[in-house]
Amino acid sequence: MNTAPPLIRGYEVVIGLETHAQLSTLSKIFSGASTAFGAAPNTQACAVDLALPGTLPVMNRAAVDRAIRLGLAVGAKVAPVSIFARKNYFYPDLPKGYQISQYETPVVQGGSVSFVLDGQPRSVRLTRAHLEEDAGKSLHESYRSEDGRPCSGIDLNRAGTPLLEIVTEPDMRSGAEAVEYAKALHALVVWLGICDGNMQEGSFRCDANVSVRRPGAPLGTRREIKNLNSFRNMAQAINFEINWQIDQIEDGLSVHQATVLFNPDTGETRAMRSKEDAHDYRYFPDPDLPPLVISPEWIAQVRASLPELPAAMALRFQQQDGLSLDDSAVMTQNLDFARFYETARDACASPKLVANWLMGEFSKRLNAEDLLISTCPISPPLLGALISRIVDGTISNNAAKQVFDVLWGAGTLSGQALAAGYADRATSDLARIDAEIEAKGLKQMNDSGALQALVDQVLAADPKSVDEYRAGKDKAFNALVGQVMKLSKGKANPAQVNEALKLRLG
């Protein structure tokens, strides 16, 4: 069960999301036209997409496959029979005058999406996920008529692109929770391979329904924020809308149901039109499309093709590798990250240390250079080999960071000459690590006799710190450790230094 979050200014926030995930098919949902992004306007719109007289839609089986995959992944019911309907509205980029969608009997019914928020497991229920076609796009920038007046253009390349609209129950109670749900859903559809998740290209778009109420009161009037195409915009838009609605109520004004747009430049929402209800669209079954029948055999075939799901993999990492809930959630943020972790872990048999490196130094570099883990300069076995030398005491964690810097640079264009030099020095990952440790003189001091001599030298030179430590001042001990490390030029093993000092100091 989700725990009740704190109220916002004395009000309970109620949020539901509708997400349009563009399915990763090569052709459109009811025609053979391409779905590739970036083509010149109106070059990927065939007769069916243009709604020319006499054309008929034909269902794309690959789109249904992807809907079934999501349904199975979220524990939903996959309807054995579902119906396509016409959603009637008039807009210049909708050539038919209606959108083919699903209404009363969607293909996916129920289910839930789980995620972690502030270290606690959360779950959001899904109402449904239904198949539909996308509309075209109206273009308003830089268009002029023949006499030079500003005008709009229509690009129908997107018309007929397959979408899966995923609708939640109103289970979320803050902007932060809505964002974490959206991130979890985004990761899931990419993990399943049903959507590329590219928010900049419009492949994953969210609409947020937001309302506020006093605790225990009936649901408030909702306003729908349309087409949020980044998690940052989603957080800003929802938080602004929450405070705007509370301000309206506190000022004695009413909140009217509306569709609103978010302006990222101002950080504000503004009403676009009054919000339609289902009856305004005059839904009725599409006479050109027969019922969609999904057999148990079809479902079993799709189920057999599913990868291990993020939640199951995260649980496995907790049980087998001893990772925490938060750490396992990070390791399964996407399939590439999870595979990288597993391969690096297997190379050094130290799960927690690998997780720490991936969440620390590794992620820091990825973010700084705007890289994906699938295209980073260091391979999983190479990272595992580096960590194995920390585990066996050959180098310290700080020394490993120096080697890491060299390896990262060697994997970039600026480090190609350095990388080429490894070919005649070592061929295996471990040999490459050892060669770099040797070249930089980073190997830890493991000679107990030499270490003891350094400890004795430091104790003789600093009797004041010795007396302070024996008087109960722990900082004095840390100062002695630092002096031994400095005298060893960082090559002493810190754990061994601590042990040797405590032994000498009684």
Protein backbone atom coordinates (compact mmCIF):
# COMPACT_ATOMS: atom_id res chain seq x y z
CA MET A 1 0.00 0.00 0.00
CA ASN A 2 1.20 3.51 -0.81
CA THR A 3 1.60 5.65 2.32
CA ALA A 4 -0.27 8.95 2.43
CA PRO A 5 2.07 11.85 1.55
CA PRO A 6 2.09 15.18 3.38
CA LEU A 7 -0.58 17.65 2.32
CA ILE A 8 0.40 20.60 0.14
CA ARG A 9 -0.72 23.85 1.79
CA GLY A 10 -3.42 21.87 3.57
CA TYR A 11 -4.77 20.30 0.36
CA GLU A 12 -4.63 16.78 -0.99
CA VAL A 13 -3.40 16.59 -4.58
CA VAL A 14 -4.92 14.05 -6.98
CA ILE A 15 -3.05 13.24 -10.20
CA GLY A 16 -3.66 10.80 -13.03
CA LEU A 17 -1.51 10.46 -16.14
CA GLU A 18 -2.30 9.57 -19.73
CA THR A 19 0.77 8.58 -21.71
CA HIS A 20 1.06 8.18 -25.46
CA ALA A 21 3.83 5.72 -26.30
CA GLN A 22 4.65 5.55 -30.01
CA LEU A 23 5.05 1.88 -30.87
CA SER A 24 8.29 0.76 -32.49
CA THR A 25 6.78 -0.64 -35.68
CA LEU A 26 8.30 0.08 -39.08
CA SER A 27 4.92 0.90 -40.60
CA LYS A 28 1.77 2.67 -39.41
CA ILE A 29 -1.06 1.08 -37.50
CA PHE A 30 -3.54 0.87 -40.39
CA SER A 31 -1.34 1.38 -43.47
CA GLY A 32 2.03 0.39 -44.91
CA ALA A 33 3.51 3.92 -44.77
CA SER A 34 6.81 4.38 -42.93
CA THR A 35 7.01 5.64 -39.35
CA ALA A 36 10.62 6.89 -39.65
CA PHE A 37 11.23 10.25 -37.97
CA GLY A 38 12.54 13.33 -39.74
CA ALA A 39 11.26 12.91 -43.28
CA ALA A 40 10.24 15.94 -45.33
CA PRO A 41 6.61 17.01 -44.64
CA ASN A 42 3.92 14.85 -46.23
CA THR A 43 6.36 12.37 -47.82
CA GLN A 44 5.27 9.49 -45.56
CA ALA A 45 1.50 9.84 -45.83
CA CYS A 46 -0.17 7.31 -48.12
CA ALA A 47 -3.74 7.24 -49.45
CA VAL A 48 -5.04 5.61 -46.24
CA ASP A 49 -3.37 8.26 -44.05
CA LEU A 50 -4.79 11.03 -46.25
CA ALA A 51 -8.31 9.51 -45.96
CA LEU A 52 -8.81 9.43 -49.70
CA PRO A 53 -12.25 8.06 -50.72
CA GLY A 54 -12.42 4.28 -50.96
CA THR A 55 -9.42 3.52 -48.73
CA LEU A 56 -9.77 1.05 -45.85
CA PRO A 57 -7.62 0.52 -42.75
CA VAL A 58 -5.80 -2.78 -42.20
CA MET A 59 -4.60 -3.67 -38.69
CA ASN A 60 -0.83 -3.90 -38.10
CA ARG A 61 -0.18 -7.17 -36.19
CA ALA A 62 3.17 -5.89 -34.85
CA ALA A 63 1.36 -3.06 -33.04
CA VAL A 64 -0.92 -5.57 -31.32
CA ASP A 65 2.12 -7.67 -30.33
CA ARG A 66 3.57 -4.65 -28.55
CA ALA A 67 0.31 -3.92 -26.74
CA ILE A 68 0.21 -7.53 -25.50
CA ARG A 69 3.81 -7.23 -24.27
CA LEU A 70 2.92 -4.24 -22.12
CA GLY A 71 -0.22 -5.90 -20.81
CA LEU A 72 1.71 -8.97 -19.67
CA ALA A 73 4.51 -6.87 -18.16
CA VAL A 74 2.15 -4.83 -15.95
CA GLY A 75 -0.01 -7.79 -14.88
CA ALA A 76 -3.06 -6.60 -16.80
CA LYS A 77 -5.82 -8.51 -18.53
CA VAL A 78 -5.28 -8.79 -22.27
CA ALA A 79 -8.78 -8.67 -23.74
CA PRO A 80 -9.60 -11.71 -25.92
CA VAL A 81 -11.80 -9.41 -28.01
CA SER A 82 -11.48 -5.64 -28.26
CA ILE A 83 -13.21 -3.07 -30.43
CA PHE A 84 -11.94 -0.08 -32.42
CA ALA A 85 -14.02 3.08 -32.29
CA ARG A 86 -14.17 6.40 -34.09
CA LYS A 87 -13.39 9.41 -31.91
CA ASN A 88 -15.01 12.30 -33.74
CA TYR A 89 -13.53 15.77 -33.73
CA PHE A 90 -12.55 18.28 -36.40
CA TYR A 91 -9.06 19.68 -36.70
CA PRO A 92 -6.94 20.54 -39.75
CA ASP A 93 -4.35 17.80 -39.07
CA LEU A 94 -7.04 15.07 -38.82
CA PRO A 95 -7.99 14.40 -42.45
CA LYS A 96 -10.74 11.85 -41.75
CA GLY A 97 -12.55 14.09 -39.27
CA TYR A 98 -12.18 11.31 -36.68
CA GLN A 99 -9.41 9.34 -34.97
CA ILE A 100 -9.47 5.55 -34.88
CA SER A 101 -9.07 4.61 -31.23
CA GLN A 102 -10.59 2.25 -28.64
CA TYR A 103 -13.22 3.20 -26.11
CA GLU A 104 -15.41 0.69 -24.27
CA THR A 105 -13.28 -2.43 -24.81
CA PRO A 106 -9.55 -1.61 -24.88
CA VAL A 107 -6.91 -4.24 -25.59
CA VAL A 108 -5.23 -3.92 -22.16
CA GLN A 109 -7.33 -3.64 -19.00
CA GLY A 110 -5.99 -2.99 -15.47
CA GLY A 111 -2.47 -3.70 -14.26
CA SER A 112 -0.02 -1.56 -12.31
CA VAL A 113 3.44 0.02 -12.50
CA SER A 114 5.79 -0.15 -9.50
CA PHE A 115 8.71 2.13 -8.65
CA VAL A 116 10.70 3.49 -5.70
CA LEU A 117 10.13 6.98 -4.26
CA ASP A 118 12.23 8.29 -1.35
CA GLY A 119 13.42 4.78 -0.62
CA GLN A 120 9.89 3.38 -0.40
CA PRO A 121 8.16 1.05 -2.91
CA ARG A 122 5.18 2.62 -4.66
CA SER A 123 2.61 1.32 -7.13
CA VAL A 124 0.22 3.12 -9.48
CA ARG A 125 -2.81 1.29 -10.86
CA LEU A 126 -3.52 1.37 -14.58
CA THR A 127 -7.08 1.77 -15.83
CA ARG A 128 -6.35 0.69 -19.39
CA ALA A 129 -4.04 0.85 -22.38
CA HIS A 130 -5.59 1.14 -25.79
CA LEU A 131 -4.36 1.22 -29.37
CA GLU A 132 -4.97 4.24 -31.56
CA GLU A 133 -3.59 6.22 -34.46
CA ASP A 134 -1.76 9.52 -34.09
CA ALA A 135 -2.94 12.69 -35.81
CA GLY A 136 -0.84 14.87 -38.10
CA LYS A 137 0.96 18.02 -37.03
CA SER A 138 0.14 21.67 -37.52
CA LEU A 139 3.16 23.86 -38.23
CA HIS A 140 2.89 27.54 -37.43
CA GLU A 141 6.46 28.85 -37.65
CA SER A 142 7.91 30.61 -40.70
CA TYR A 143 4.98 29.87 -43.03
CA ARG A 144 3.70 32.59 -45.39
CA SER A 145 0.97 32.69 -48.00
CA GLU A 146 1.68 33.78 -51.58
CA ASP A 147 0.87 37.38 -50.66
CA GLY A 148 3.19 37.23 -47.62
CA ARG A 149 0.66 36.80 -44.85
CA PRO A 150 1.47 34.44 -41.92
CA CYS A 151 -0.21 31.04 -42.24
CA SER A 152 0.00 27.48 -40.94
CA GLY A 153 1.13 24.30 -42.67
CA ILE A 154 -0.05 20.72 -42.17
CA ASP A 155 2.38 17.76 -42.05
CA LEU A 156 0.59 14.41 -42.18
CA ASN A 157 3.68 12.22 -41.77
CA ARG A 158 2.60 11.34 -38.22
CA ALA A 159 -1.01 10.63 -39.24
CA GLY A 160 -1.62 6.93 -38.60
CA THR A 161 1.50 6.38 -36.47
CA PRO A 162 0.66 3.62 -33.95
CA LEU A 163 0.18 4.75 -30.36
CA LEU A 164 -0.53 2.92 -27.14
CA GLU A 165 -2.33 5.27 -24.75
CA ILE A 166 -1.67 4.18 -21.15
CA VAL A 167 -4.11 5.62 -18.60
CA THR A 168 -3.68 5.50 -14.82
CA GLU A 169 -6.11 5.67 -11.96
CA PRO A 170 -5.88 8.98 -10.01
CA ASP A 171 -3.39 7.40 -7.57
CA MET A 172 -0.59 9.99 -7.46
CA ARG A 173 -0.42 12.65 -4.79
CA SER A 174 2.51 14.87 -5.78
CA GLY A 175 4.45 16.07 -8.78
CA ALA A 176 7.45 14.03 -7.62
CA GLU A 177 5.38 10.84 -7.53
CA ALA A 178 3.97 11.50 -11.00
CA VAL A 179 7.48 12.01 -12.39
CA GLU A 180 8.79 8.79 -10.81
CA TYR A 181 5.84 6.86 -12.23
CA ALA A 182 6.46 8.36 -15.68
CA LYS A 183 10.16 7.47 -15.47
CA ALA A 184 9.31 3.90 -14.47
CA LEU A 185 6.82 3.56 -17.33
CA HIS A 186 9.31 5.09 -19.77
CA ALA A 187 12.00 2.64 -18.65
CA LEU A 188 9.56 -0.27 -18.97
CA VAL A 189 8.39 0.44 -22.53
CA VAL A 190 12.01 0.89 -23.66
CA TRP A 191 13.04 -2.27 -21.75
CA LEU A 192 10.30 -4.24 -23.53
CA GLY A 193 11.36 -2.85 -26.92
CA ILE A 194 7.88 -1.56 -27.71
CA CYS A 195 8.85 2.15 -27.83
CA ASP A 196 12.15 3.95 -28.35
CA GLY A 197 11.23 6.44 -25.60
CA ASN A 198 12.60 9.46 -27.47
CA MET A 199 10.75 12.33 -25.82
CA GLN A 200 12.34 15.00 -28.04
CA GLU A 201 10.84 13.31 -31.12
CA GLY A 202 7.44 12.86 -29.46
CA SER A 203 7.70 9.09 -29.00
CA PHE A 204 6.70 9.34 -25.33
CA ARG A 205 4.30 12.13 -24.35
CA CYS A 206 2.35 12.59 -21.14
CA ASP A 207 -0.85 14.44 -20.24
CA ALA A 208 -1.37 15.12 -16.53
CA ASN A 209 -4.83 15.45 -14.97
CA VAL A 210 -4.47 17.52 -11.79
CA SER A 211 -6.99 18.47 -9.10
CA VAL A 212 -6.86 19.47 -5.43
CA ARG A 213 -9.26 18.98 -2.51
CA ARG A 214 -9.47 19.31 1.23
CA PRO A 215 -8.82 15.96 2.97
CA GLY A 216 -11.98 13.85 2.92
CA ALA A 217 -13.77 16.09 0.43
CA PRO A 218 -15.05 14.85 -2.97
CA LEU A 219 -12.65 14.97 -5.90
CA GLY A 220 -11.96 18.48 -7.12
CA THR A 221 -12.32 19.78 -10.68
CA ARG A 222 -9.43 18.54 -12.80
CA ARG A 223 -7.45 20.38 -15.42
CA GLU A 224 -5.48 18.44 -18.03
CA ILE A 225 -1.93 19.58 -18.88
CA LYS A 226 -1.23 18.43 -22.45
CA ASN A 227 1.88 17.13 -24.21
CA LEU A 228 4.54 17.17 -21.49
CA ASN A 229 7.64 15.99 -23.32
CA SER A 230 10.26 15.97 -20.57
CA PHE A 231 10.35 14.89 -16.93
CA ARG A 232 11.60 18.32 -15.90
CA ASN A 233 8.69 20.05 -17.64
CA MET A 234 6.29 17.58 -16.05
CA ALA A 235 7.50 18.40 -12.54
CA GLN A 236 7.38 22.16 -13.15
CA ALA A 237 3.98 22.08 -14.84
CA ILE A 238 2.30 19.93 -12.19
CA ASN A 239 3.73 21.93 -9.30
CA PHE A 240 2.67 25.22 -10.86
CA GLU A 241 -0.81 23.87 -11.57
CA ILE A 242 -1.21 22.60 -7.99
CA ASN A 243 -0.38 26.00 -6.52
CA TRP A 244 -2.50 27.84 -9.10
CA GLN A 245 -5.57 25.75 -8.23
CA ILE A 246 -5.01 26.23 -4.49
CA ASP A 247 -4.66 30.00 -5.03
CA GLN A 248 -7.95 30.04 -6.95
CA ILE A 249 -9.80 28.24 -4.16
CA GLU A 250 -8.19 30.34 -1.42
CA ASP A 251 -9.26 33.51 -3.28
CA GLY A 252 -12.86 32.27 -3.39
CA LEU A 253 -12.77 31.53 -7.13
CA SER A 254 -13.74 28.38 -9.01
CA VAL A 255 -11.55 25.94 -10.89
CA HIS A 256 -13.15 25.14 -14.25
CA GLN A 257 -12.44 21.94 -16.16
CA ALA A 258 -10.03 22.79 -18.96
CA THR A 259 -7.19 21.63 -21.15
CA VAL A 260 -4.08 23.67 -20.43
CA LEU A 261 -0.62 24.05 -21.96
CA PHE A 262 2.68 24.46 -20.14
CA ASN A 263 5.10 27.20 -21.17
CA PRO A 264 8.65 26.09 -20.21
CA ASP A 265 9.96 29.64 -20.71
CA THR A 266 7.69 31.11 -18.03
CA GLY A 267 7.15 27.95 -15.97
CA GLU A 268 3.39 28.55 -16.08
CA THR A 269 0.30 26.78 -17.40
CA ARG A 270 -2.43 28.55 -19.36
CA ALA A 271 -5.89 27.43 -20.44
CA MET A 272 -6.19 26.40 -24.10
CA ARG A 273 -9.82 25.26 -24.27
CA SER A 274 -12.59 23.91 -22.09
CA LYS A 275 -12.12 20.22 -21.39
CA GLU A 276 -14.19 17.80 -23.46
CA ASP A 277 -15.93 14.75 -21.99
CA ALA A 278 -16.27 11.39 -23.73
CA HIS A 279 -19.77 12.14 -25.02
CA ASP A 280 -18.43 15.20 -26.86
CA TYR A 281 -16.45 12.90 -29.16
CA ARG A 282 -19.50 10.80 -30.17
CA TYR A 283 -17.63 7.50 -30.00
CA PHE A 284 -19.08 4.62 -32.00
CA PRO A 285 -17.59 1.31 -33.26
CA ASP A 286 -15.59 1.70 -36.47
CA PRO A 287 -17.51 -0.16 -39.21
CA ASP A 288 -14.35 -0.61 -41.30
CA LEU A 289 -12.49 -2.65 -38.67
CA PRO A 290 -13.65 -6.04 -37.35
CA PRO A 291 -13.21 -6.88 -33.65
CA LEU A 292 -9.59 -7.54 -32.66
CA VAL A 293 -9.41 -11.18 -31.53
CA ILE A 294 -6.36 -12.24 -29.47
CA SER A 295 -6.10 -15.99 -28.93
CA PRO A 296 -4.52 -17.65 -25.86
CA GLU A 297 -1.87 -19.06 -28.21
CA TRP A 298 -0.93 -15.57 -29.36
CA ILE A 299 -0.61 -14.40 -25.76
CA ALA A 300 1.53 -17.44 -24.87
CA GLN A 301 3.80 -16.75 -27.82
CA VAL A 302 4.34 -13.14 -26.72
CA ARG A 303 4.85 -14.20 -23.09
CA ALA A 304 7.62 -16.59 -24.13
CA SER A 305 9.47 -13.74 -25.86
CA LEU A 306 9.46 -11.37 -22.85
CA PRO A 307 12.80 -10.51 -21.23
CA GLU A 308 13.23 -10.68 -17.46
CA LEU A 309 11.27 -7.70 -16.18
CA PRO A 310 12.87 -4.85 -14.18
CA ALA A 311 11.02 -5.62 -10.92
CA ALA A 312 11.98 -9.29 -11.06
CA MET A 313 15.59 -8.45 -11.88
CA ALA A 314 15.80 -5.87 -9.08
CA LEU A 315 14.48 -8.45 -6.60
CA ARG A 316 17.08 -10.93 -7.83
CA PHE A 317 19.85 -8.37 -7.31
CA GLN A 318 18.60 -7.81 -3.75
CA GLN A 319 18.40 -11.50 -2.92
CA GLN A 320 21.49 -12.82 -4.74
CA ASP A 321 23.81 -9.81 -4.67
CA GLY A 322 22.77 -8.19 -1.40
CA LEU A 323 21.96 -4.83 -3.00
CA SER A 324 19.59 -2.43 -1.27
CA LEU A 325 16.17 -1.48 -2.67
CA ASP A 326 17.54 1.85 -3.93
CA ASP A 327 20.71 0.34 -5.42
CA SER A 328 18.81 -2.39 -7.26
CA ALA A 329 16.40 0.22 -8.64
CA VAL A 330 19.33 2.18 -10.09
CA MET A 331 20.93 -0.97 -11.54
CA THR A 332 17.67 -1.76 -13.37
CA GLN A 333 16.94 1.76 -14.59
CA ASN A 334 17.30 0.41 -18.13
CA LEU A 335 18.29 -2.87 -19.74
CA ASP A 336 21.72 -1.65 -20.93
CA PHE A 337 22.60 -0.49 -17.41
CA ALA A 338 21.47 -3.80 -15.91
CA ARG A 339 23.47 -5.85 -18.40
CA PHE A 340 26.55 -3.69 -17.79
CA TYR A 341 26.25 -4.22 -14.04
CA GLU A 342 25.86 -7.99 -14.37
CA THR A 343 28.87 -8.37 -16.66
CA ALA A 344 31.12 -6.17 -14.50
CA ARG A 345 29.93 -7.97 -11.36
CA ASP A 346 30.74 -11.37 -12.85
CA ALA A 347 34.23 -10.14 -13.74
CA CYS A 348 35.12 -9.29 -10.13
CA ALA A 349 32.56 -11.04 -7.90
CA SER A 350 31.98 -7.86 -5.86
CA PRO A 351 28.37 -6.71 -6.49
CA LYS A 352 28.23 -3.85 -3.99
CA LEU A 353 31.53 -2.32 -5.13
CA VAL A 354 30.44 -2.49 -8.78
CA ALA A 355 27.12 -0.83 -7.89
CA ASN A 356 28.95 1.90 -5.97
CA TRP A 357 31.24 2.62 -8.93
CA LEU A 358 28.36 2.68 -11.41
CA MET A 359 26.35 5.07 -9.22
CA GLY A 360 29.41 7.19 -8.42
CA GLU A 361 32.36 7.81 -10.71
CA PHE A 362 30.81 6.10 -13.72
CA SER A 363 27.48 7.96 -13.69
CA LYS A 364 29.31 11.21 -12.99
CA ARG A 365 31.29 10.80 -16.23
CA LEU A 366 28.28 9.71 -18.24
CA ASN A 367 26.30 12.76 -17.15
CA ALA A 368 29.21 15.17 -17.65
CA GLU A 369 29.78 13.98 -21.22
CA ASP A 370 26.11 13.28 -22.01
CA LEU A 371 26.85 9.64 -22.87
CA LEU A 372 24.76 6.49 -22.72
CA ILE A 373 26.20 3.52 -20.88
CA SER A 374 25.97 1.53 -24.13
CA THR A 375 28.42 3.94 -25.80
CA CYS A 376 30.80 4.69 -22.93
CA PRO A 377 34.58 4.22 -23.40
CA ILE A 378 35.01 1.48 -20.77
CA SER A 379 33.63 -2.02 -21.23
CA PRO A 380 31.98 -3.97 -18.37
CA PRO A 381 34.79 -6.59 -18.16
CA LEU A 382 37.39 -3.80 -18.02
CA LEU A 383 35.60 -2.09 -15.13
CA GLY A 384 35.26 -5.46 -13.41
CA ALA A 385 39.00 -6.10 -13.82
CA LEU A 386 39.81 -2.71 -12.28
CA ILE A 387 37.52 -3.36 -9.31
CA SER A 388 39.05 -6.82 -8.81
CA ARG A 389 42.39 -5.12 -8.09
CA ILE A 390 40.71 -3.07 -5.35
CA VAL A 391 39.18 -6.22 -3.90
CA ASP A 392 42.47 -8.14 -3.76
CA GLY A 393 44.29 -5.17 -2.20
CA THR A 394 46.59 -4.45 -5.14
CA ILE A 395 45.47 -0.80 -5.30
CA SER A 396 43.42 1.57 -3.19
CA ASN A 397 40.11 3.06 -4.27
CA ASN A 398 41.80 6.42 -4.91
CA ALA A 399 44.49 4.78 -7.03
CA ALA A 400 41.76 2.97 -8.97
CA LYS A 401 40.24 6.35 -9.87
CA GLN A 402 43.57 7.36 -11.42
CA VAL A 403 43.59 4.21 -13.54
CA PHE A 404 39.93 4.81 -14.39
CA ASP A 405 40.80 8.29 -15.70
CA VAL A 406 43.40 6.81 -18.04
CA LEU A 407 41.10 4.04 -19.27
CA TRP A 408 38.27 6.49 -19.92
CA GLY A 409 40.58 8.78 -21.89
CA ALA A 410 41.98 5.85 -23.85
CA GLY A 411 38.50 4.97 -25.01
CA THR A 412 37.82 8.43 -26.45
CA LEU A 413 39.07 9.94 -29.70
CA SER A 414 41.54 12.12 -27.81
CA GLY A 415 43.03 9.01 -26.23
CA GLN A 416 43.38 6.82 -29.30
CA ALA A 417 47.18 7.00 -29.33
CA LEU A 418 47.29 5.89 -25.70
CA ALA A 419 44.82 3.09 -26.40
CA ALA A 420 46.90 1.86 -29.33
CA GLY A 421 49.88 1.49 -27.02
CA TYR A 422 48.10 -1.22 -25.06
CA ALA A 423 48.12 -3.58 -28.01
CA ASP A 424 51.78 -4.52 -27.52
CA ARG A 425 51.70 -4.30 -23.69
CA ALA A 426 48.83 -6.59 -22.83
CA THR A 427 45.83 -8.20 -24.47
CA SER A 428 43.59 -9.14 -21.57
CA ASP A 429 41.64 -6.64 -19.47
CA LEU A 430 43.41 -7.66 -16.28
CA ALA A 431 46.85 -7.42 -17.91
CA ARG A 432 45.93 -3.97 -19.18
CA ILE A 433 44.95 -2.88 -15.66
CA ASP A 434 48.15 -4.32 -14.17
CA ALA A 435 50.29 -2.59 -16.80
CA GLU A 436 48.73 0.76 -15.94
CA ILE A 437 49.16 0.19 -12.21
CA GLU A 438 52.81 -0.64 -12.75
CA ALA A 439 53.41 2.30 -15.08
CA LYS A 440 51.98 4.77 -12.58
CA GLY A 441 53.52 3.12 -9.52
CA LEU A 442 50.15 2.76 -7.81
CA LYS A 443 50.56 -0.69 -6.29
CA GLN A 444 49.79 -0.72 -2.59
CA MET A 445 52.49 -1.51 -0.03
CA ASN A 446 51.80 -4.98 1.32
CA ASP A 447 55.17 -5.55 3.00
CA SER A 448 54.29 -5.63 6.71
CA GLY A 449 57.88 -4.96 7.73
CA ALA A 450 58.17 -1.85 5.56
CA LEU A 451 54.80 -0.61 6.78
CA GLN A 452 55.78 -1.13 10.42
CA ALA A 453 58.93 0.92 9.86
CA LEU A 454 56.81 3.82 8.53
CA VAL A 455 54.47 3.61 11.51
CA ASP A 456 57.38 3.68 13.96
CA GLN A 457 58.86 6.67 12.13
CA VAL A 458 55.60 8.65 12.35
CA LEU A 459 55.04 7.81 16.04
CA ALA A 460 58.57 8.88 16.94
CA ALA A 461 58.21 12.16 15.04
CA ASP A 462 54.83 13.14 16.53
CA PRO A 463 54.62 12.27 20.24
CA LYS A 464 52.03 15.04 20.75
CA SER A 465 49.44 13.24 18.56
CA VAL A 466 50.27 9.98 20.36
CA ASP A 467 49.54 11.55 23.73
CA GLU A 468 46.32 13.18 22.44
CA TYR A 469 45.06 9.86 21.06
CA ARG A 470 45.77 8.10 24.35
CA ALA A 471 43.87 10.94 26.06
CA GLY A 472 40.79 10.00 24.01
CA LYS A 473 41.02 12.39 21.05
CA ASP A 474 40.08 10.35 17.94
CA LYS A 475 41.13 13.14 15.57
CA ALA A 476 44.72 12.59 16.65
CA PHE A 477 44.53 9.00 15.37
CA ASN A 478 43.27 10.19 11.98
CA ALA A 479 46.20 12.62 11.83
CA LEU A 480 48.63 9.76 12.41
CA VAL A 481 46.98 7.68 9.67
CA GLY A 482 47.31 10.61 7.29
CA GLN A 483 51.00 11.00 8.07
CA VAL A 484 51.69 7.31 7.40
CA MET A 485 49.79 7.50 4.12
CA LYS A 486 51.73 10.62 3.12
CA LEU A 487 55.06 9.01 4.01
CA SER A 488 54.15 5.97 1.90
CA LYS A 489 53.16 8.28 -0.99
CA GLY A 490 49.68 6.81 -0.86
CA LYS A 491 50.84 3.24 -1.43
CA ALA A 492 50.06 1.90 2.02
CA ASN A 493 46.83 -0.01 2.51
CA PRO A 494 44.65 2.21 4.75
CA ALA A 495 43.13 -0.77 6.56
CA GLN A 496 46.60 -2.17 7.29
CA VAL A 497 47.80 1.27 8.44
CA ASN A 498 44.88 1.47 10.91
CA GLU A 499 45.61 -2.01 12.20
CA ALA A 500 49.36 -1.37 12.58
CA LEU A 501 48.85 1.93 14.39
CA LYS A 502 46.32 0.51 16.83
CA LEU A 503 48.66 -2.39 17.56
CA ARG A 504 51.58 -0.06 18.27
CA LEU A 505 49.47 2.33 20.36
CA GLY A 506 48.15 -0.48 22.51
